[in-house]
């Protein structure tokens, strides 16, 4: 039996959390969600996800700022941080470069979401920047 990998999604929108969980959950992927930035660090410590999808546009503490805070923990856990946002691609590329995320996935593109998540989990997307 193959090890089930865990994807953690942090977003302030419960509809996006639910939808993403439904789109990615499978016999190979367990999806854990966390609403909002607060408490995210302790949740990541507890879950130890194989991949972290992080919404950029969250109130109070943006996903980009949360990435700065959580990056050392994710490096220790070997967990890629991928921005998951409805922002335009140019903005996302700039945020990835500025905050040291491993890449981004645009919300709304279901095929890209599944393909890129599978590539990250397979270790084939270590330097994906789009």
C-alpha atoms as a PDB file:
ATOM      1  CA  UNK A   1       0.000   0.000   0.000  1.00  0.00           C
ATOM      2  CA  UNK A   2       1.358   3.403  -1.018  1.00  0.00           C
ATOM      3  CA  UNK A   3       1.872   6.187   1.550  1.00  0.00           C
ATOM      4  CA  UNK A   4      -0.931   8.739   1.459  1.00  0.00           C
ATOM      5  CA  UNK A   5       0.477  12.237   1.001  1.00  0.00           C
ATOM      6  CA  UNK A   6      -0.924  15.286   2.750  1.00  0.00           C
ATOM      7  CA  UNK A   7      -1.690  18.636   1.165  1.00  0.00           C
ATOM      8  CA  UNK A   8      -2.531  21.462   3.541  1.00  0.00           C
ATOM      9  CA  UNK A   9      -4.576  24.394   2.229  1.00  0.00           C
ATOM     10  CA  UNK A  10      -4.615  27.696   4.127  1.00  0.00           C
ATOM     11  CA  UNK A  11      -7.259  30.154   2.945  1.00  0.00           C
ATOM     12  CA  UNK A  12      -9.641  32.607   4.574  1.00  0.00           C
ATOM     13  CA  UNK A  13     -12.524  31.595   2.286  1.00  0.00           C
ATOM     14  CA  UNK A  14     -14.369  28.478   3.463  1.00  0.00           C
ATOM     15  CA  UNK A  15     -15.824  27.909  -0.028  1.00  0.00           C
ATOM     16  CA  UNK A  16     -12.317  27.749  -1.551  1.00  0.00           C
ATOM     17  CA  UNK A  17     -11.217  25.438   1.251  1.00  0.00           C
ATOM     18  CA  UNK A  18     -14.137  23.079   0.654  1.00  0.00           C
ATOM     19  CA  UNK A  19     -13.805  23.165  -3.146  1.00  0.00           C
ATOM     20  CA  UNK A  20     -10.058  22.592  -3.109  1.00  0.00           C
ATOM     21  CA  UNK A  21     -10.445  19.703  -0.678  1.00  0.00           C
ATOM     22  CA  UNK A  22     -13.071  18.111  -2.913  1.00  0.00           C
ATOM     23  CA  UNK A  23     -10.946  18.589  -6.053  1.00  0.00           C
ATOM     24  CA  UNK A  24      -7.756  17.126  -4.578  1.00  0.00           C
ATOM     25  CA  UNK A  25      -8.913  14.420  -2.161  1.00  0.00           C
ATOM     26  CA  UNK A  26      -8.201  10.957  -3.494  1.00  0.00           C
ATOM     27  CA  UNK A  27      -6.929   7.576  -2.433  1.00  0.00           C
ATOM     28  CA  UNK A  28      -3.388   9.010  -2.672  1.00  0.00           C
ATOM     29  CA  UNK A  29      -3.927  12.521  -1.258  1.00  0.00           C
ATOM     30  CA  UNK A  30      -5.268  13.587   2.112  1.00  0.00           C
ATOM     31  CA  UNK A  31      -6.293  17.259   2.175  1.00  0.00           C
ATOM     32  CA  UNK A  32      -6.213  19.204   5.437  1.00  0.00           C
ATOM     33  CA  UNK A  33      -7.617  22.727   5.545  1.00  0.00           C
ATOM     34  CA  UNK A  34      -7.025  25.670   7.852  1.00  0.00           C
ATOM     35  CA  UNK A  35      -9.100  28.839   7.715  1.00  0.00           C
ATOM     36  CA  UNK A  36      -7.092  32.067   7.942  1.00  0.00           C
ATOM     37  CA  UNK A  37      -3.534  32.898   8.930  1.00  0.00           C
ATOM     38  CA  UNK A  38      -3.840  32.777  12.687  1.00  0.00           C
ATOM     39  CA  UNK A  39      -2.837  29.465  14.205  1.00  0.00           C
ATOM     40  CA  UNK A  40      -1.437  28.274  10.883  1.00  0.00           C
ATOM     41  CA  UNK A  41       2.108  27.737  12.144  1.00  0.00           C
ATOM     42  CA  UNK A  42       1.045  25.398  14.943  1.00  0.00           C
ATOM     43  CA  UNK A  43      -1.292  23.576  12.562  1.00  0.00           C
ATOM     44  CA  UNK A  44       1.533  23.033  10.052  1.00  0.00           C
ATOM     45  CA  UNK A  45       3.720  21.699  12.898  1.00  0.00           C
ATOM     46  CA  UNK A  46       0.989  19.243  13.863  1.00  0.00           C
ATOM     47  CA  UNK A  47       0.029  18.133  10.343  1.00  0.00           C
ATOM     48  CA  UNK A  48       3.530  18.038   8.747  1.00  0.00           C
ATOM     49  CA  UNK A  49       2.121  18.335   5.222  1.00  0.00           C
ATOM     50  CA  UNK A  50       3.939  17.197   2.090  1.00  0.00           C
ATOM     51  CA  UNK A  51       2.752  20.368   0.312  1.00  0.00           C
ATOM     52  CA  UNK A  52       1.365  23.688   1.544  1.00  0.00           C
ATOM     53  CA  UNK A  53      -1.065  25.660  -0.656  1.00  0.00           C
ATOM     54  CA  UNK A  54      -1.253  29.191   0.683  1.00  0.00           C
ATOM     55  CA  UNK A  55      -3.787  31.835  -0.318  1.00  0.00           C
ATOM     56  CA  UNK A  56      -2.140  35.221  -0.826  1.00  0.00           C
ATOM     57  CA  UNK A  57      -5.119  37.501  -0.140  1.00  0.00           C
ATOM     58  CA  UNK A  58      -6.066  37.007   3.485  1.00  0.00           C
ATOM     59  CA  UNK A  59      -7.027  39.808   5.873  1.00  0.00           C
ATOM     60  CA  UNK A  60      -4.848  40.832   8.825  1.00  0.00           C
ATOM     61  CA  UNK A  61      -1.868  38.660   7.831  1.00  0.00           C
ATOM     62  CA  UNK A  62      -1.475  38.053   4.104  1.00  0.00           C
ATOM     63  CA  UNK A  63      -0.365  34.717   2.752  1.00  0.00           C
ATOM     64  CA  UNK A  64       2.853  36.326   1.528  1.00  0.00           C
ATOM     65  CA  UNK A  65       3.676  37.556   5.035  1.00  0.00           C
ATOM     66  CA  UNK A  66       2.649  34.201   6.505  1.00  0.00           C
ATOM     67  CA  UNK A  67       5.054  32.543   4.053  1.00  0.00           C
ATOM     68  CA  UNK A  68       7.890  34.641   5.490  1.00  0.00           C
ATOM     69  CA  UNK A  69       6.995  33.478   9.001  1.00  0.00           C
ATOM     70  CA  UNK A  70       6.401  29.817   8.183  1.00  0.00           C
ATOM     71  CA  UNK A  71       9.260  29.337   5.689  1.00  0.00           C
ATOM     72  CA  UNK A  72      11.841  28.084   8.251  1.00  0.00           C
ATOM     73  CA  UNK A  73       9.404  25.472   9.557  1.00  0.00           C
ATOM     74  CA  UNK A  74       8.509  24.341   6.037  1.00  0.00           C
ATOM     75  CA  UNK A  75      12.200  24.091   5.128  1.00  0.00           C
ATOM     76  CA  UNK A  76      12.759  21.889   8.187  1.00  0.00           C
ATOM     77  CA  UNK A  77       9.806  19.692   7.171  1.00  0.00           C
ATOM     78  CA  UNK A  78      10.823  19.710   3.461  1.00  0.00           C
ATOM     79  CA  UNK A  79       7.380  21.108   2.660  1.00  0.00           C
ATOM     80  CA  UNK A  80       7.122  23.256  -0.479  1.00  0.00           C
ATOM     81  CA  UNK A  81       5.109  26.461  -0.099  1.00  0.00           C
ATOM     82  CA  UNK A  82       2.992  27.207  -3.161  1.00  0.00           C
ATOM     83  CA  UNK A  83       0.879  30.331  -3.456  1.00  0.00           C
ATOM     84  CA  UNK A  84      -2.689  29.480  -4.467  1.00  0.00           C
ATOM     85  CA  UNK A  85      -4.433  32.649  -5.527  1.00  0.00           C
ATOM     86  CA  UNK A  86      -6.739  34.454  -7.903  1.00  0.00           C
ATOM     87  CA  UNK A  87      -4.120  37.186  -8.425  1.00  0.00           C
ATOM     88  CA  UNK A  88      -2.728  37.618 -11.930  1.00  0.00           C
ATOM     89  CA  UNK A  89       0.303  35.538 -12.867  1.00  0.00           C
ATOM     90  CA  UNK A  90       2.733  38.468 -13.017  1.00  0.00           C
ATOM     91  CA  UNK A  91       1.875  39.453  -9.438  1.00  0.00           C
ATOM     92  CA  UNK A  92       2.183  35.833  -8.312  1.00  0.00           C
ATOM     93  CA  UNK A  93       5.599  35.448  -9.965  1.00  0.00           C
ATOM     94  CA  UNK A  94       6.776  38.596  -8.157  1.00  0.00           C
ATOM     95  CA  UNK A  95       5.414  37.305  -4.825  1.00  0.00           C
ATOM     96  CA  UNK A  96       7.109  33.930  -5.310  1.00  0.00           C
ATOM     97  CA  UNK A  97      10.433  35.657  -5.956  1.00  0.00           C
ATOM     98  CA  UNK A  98      10.037  38.115  -3.073  1.00  0.00           C
ATOM     99  CA  UNK A  99       8.912  35.587  -0.458  1.00  0.00           C
ATOM    100  CA  UNK A 100      10.797  32.437  -1.431  1.00  0.00           C
ATOM    101  CA  UNK A 101       7.814  30.254  -2.249  1.00  0.00           C
ATOM    102  CA  UNK A 102       8.394  27.325  -4.587  1.00  0.00           C
ATOM    103  CA  UNK A 103       5.743  28.419  -7.081  1.00  0.00           C
ATOM    104  CA  UNK A 104       2.132  29.344  -7.581  1.00  0.00           C
ATOM    105  CA  UNK A 105      -1.141  27.937  -8.850  1.00  0.00           C
ATOM    106  CA  UNK A 106      -3.953  30.157 -10.101  1.00  0.00           C
ATOM    107  CA  UNK A 107      -7.366  29.531  -8.571  1.00  0.00           C
ATOM    108  CA  UNK A 108      -9.999  28.515 -11.070  1.00  0.00           C
ATOM    109  CA  UNK A 109      -7.764  26.309 -13.227  1.00  0.00           C
ATOM    110  CA  UNK A 110      -8.739  22.842 -12.016  1.00  0.00           C
ATOM    111  CA  UNK A 111      -6.440  21.014 -14.444  1.00  0.00           C
ATOM    112  CA  UNK A 112      -3.404  23.089 -13.417  1.00  0.00           C
ATOM    113  CA  UNK A 113      -4.296  22.602  -9.752  1.00  0.00           C
ATOM    114  CA  UNK A 114      -4.366  18.819 -10.020  1.00  0.00           C
ATOM    115  CA  UNK A 115      -1.359  18.579 -12.355  1.00  0.00           C
ATOM    116  CA  UNK A 116       0.885  20.883 -10.334  1.00  0.00           C
ATOM    117  CA  UNK A 117      -0.095  19.379  -6.985  1.00  0.00           C
ATOM    118  CA  UNK A 118       0.702  15.910  -8.347  1.00  0.00           C
ATOM    119  CA  UNK A 119       4.018  17.186  -9.750  1.00  0.00           C
ATOM    120  CA  UNK A 120       5.014  18.758  -6.421  1.00  0.00           C
ATOM    121  CA  UNK A 121       4.073  15.622  -4.522  1.00  0.00           C
ATOM    122  CA  UNK A 122       6.058  13.487  -6.960  1.00  0.00           C
ATOM    123  CA  UNK A 123       9.082  15.730  -6.419  1.00  0.00           C
ATOM    124  CA  UNK A 124       9.059  16.688 -10.082  1.00  0.00           C
ATOM    125  CA  UNK A 125       8.236  20.341  -9.514  1.00  0.00           C
ATOM    126  CA  UNK A 126      10.967  21.450  -7.149  1.00  0.00           C
ATOM    127  CA  UNK A 127      11.740  24.560  -9.197  1.00  0.00           C
ATOM    128  CA  UNK A 128       8.335  25.293 -10.712  1.00  0.00           C
ATOM    129  CA  UNK A 129       7.778  29.011 -10.757  1.00  0.00           C
ATOM    130  CA  UNK A 130       4.459  28.951 -12.561  1.00  0.00           C
END
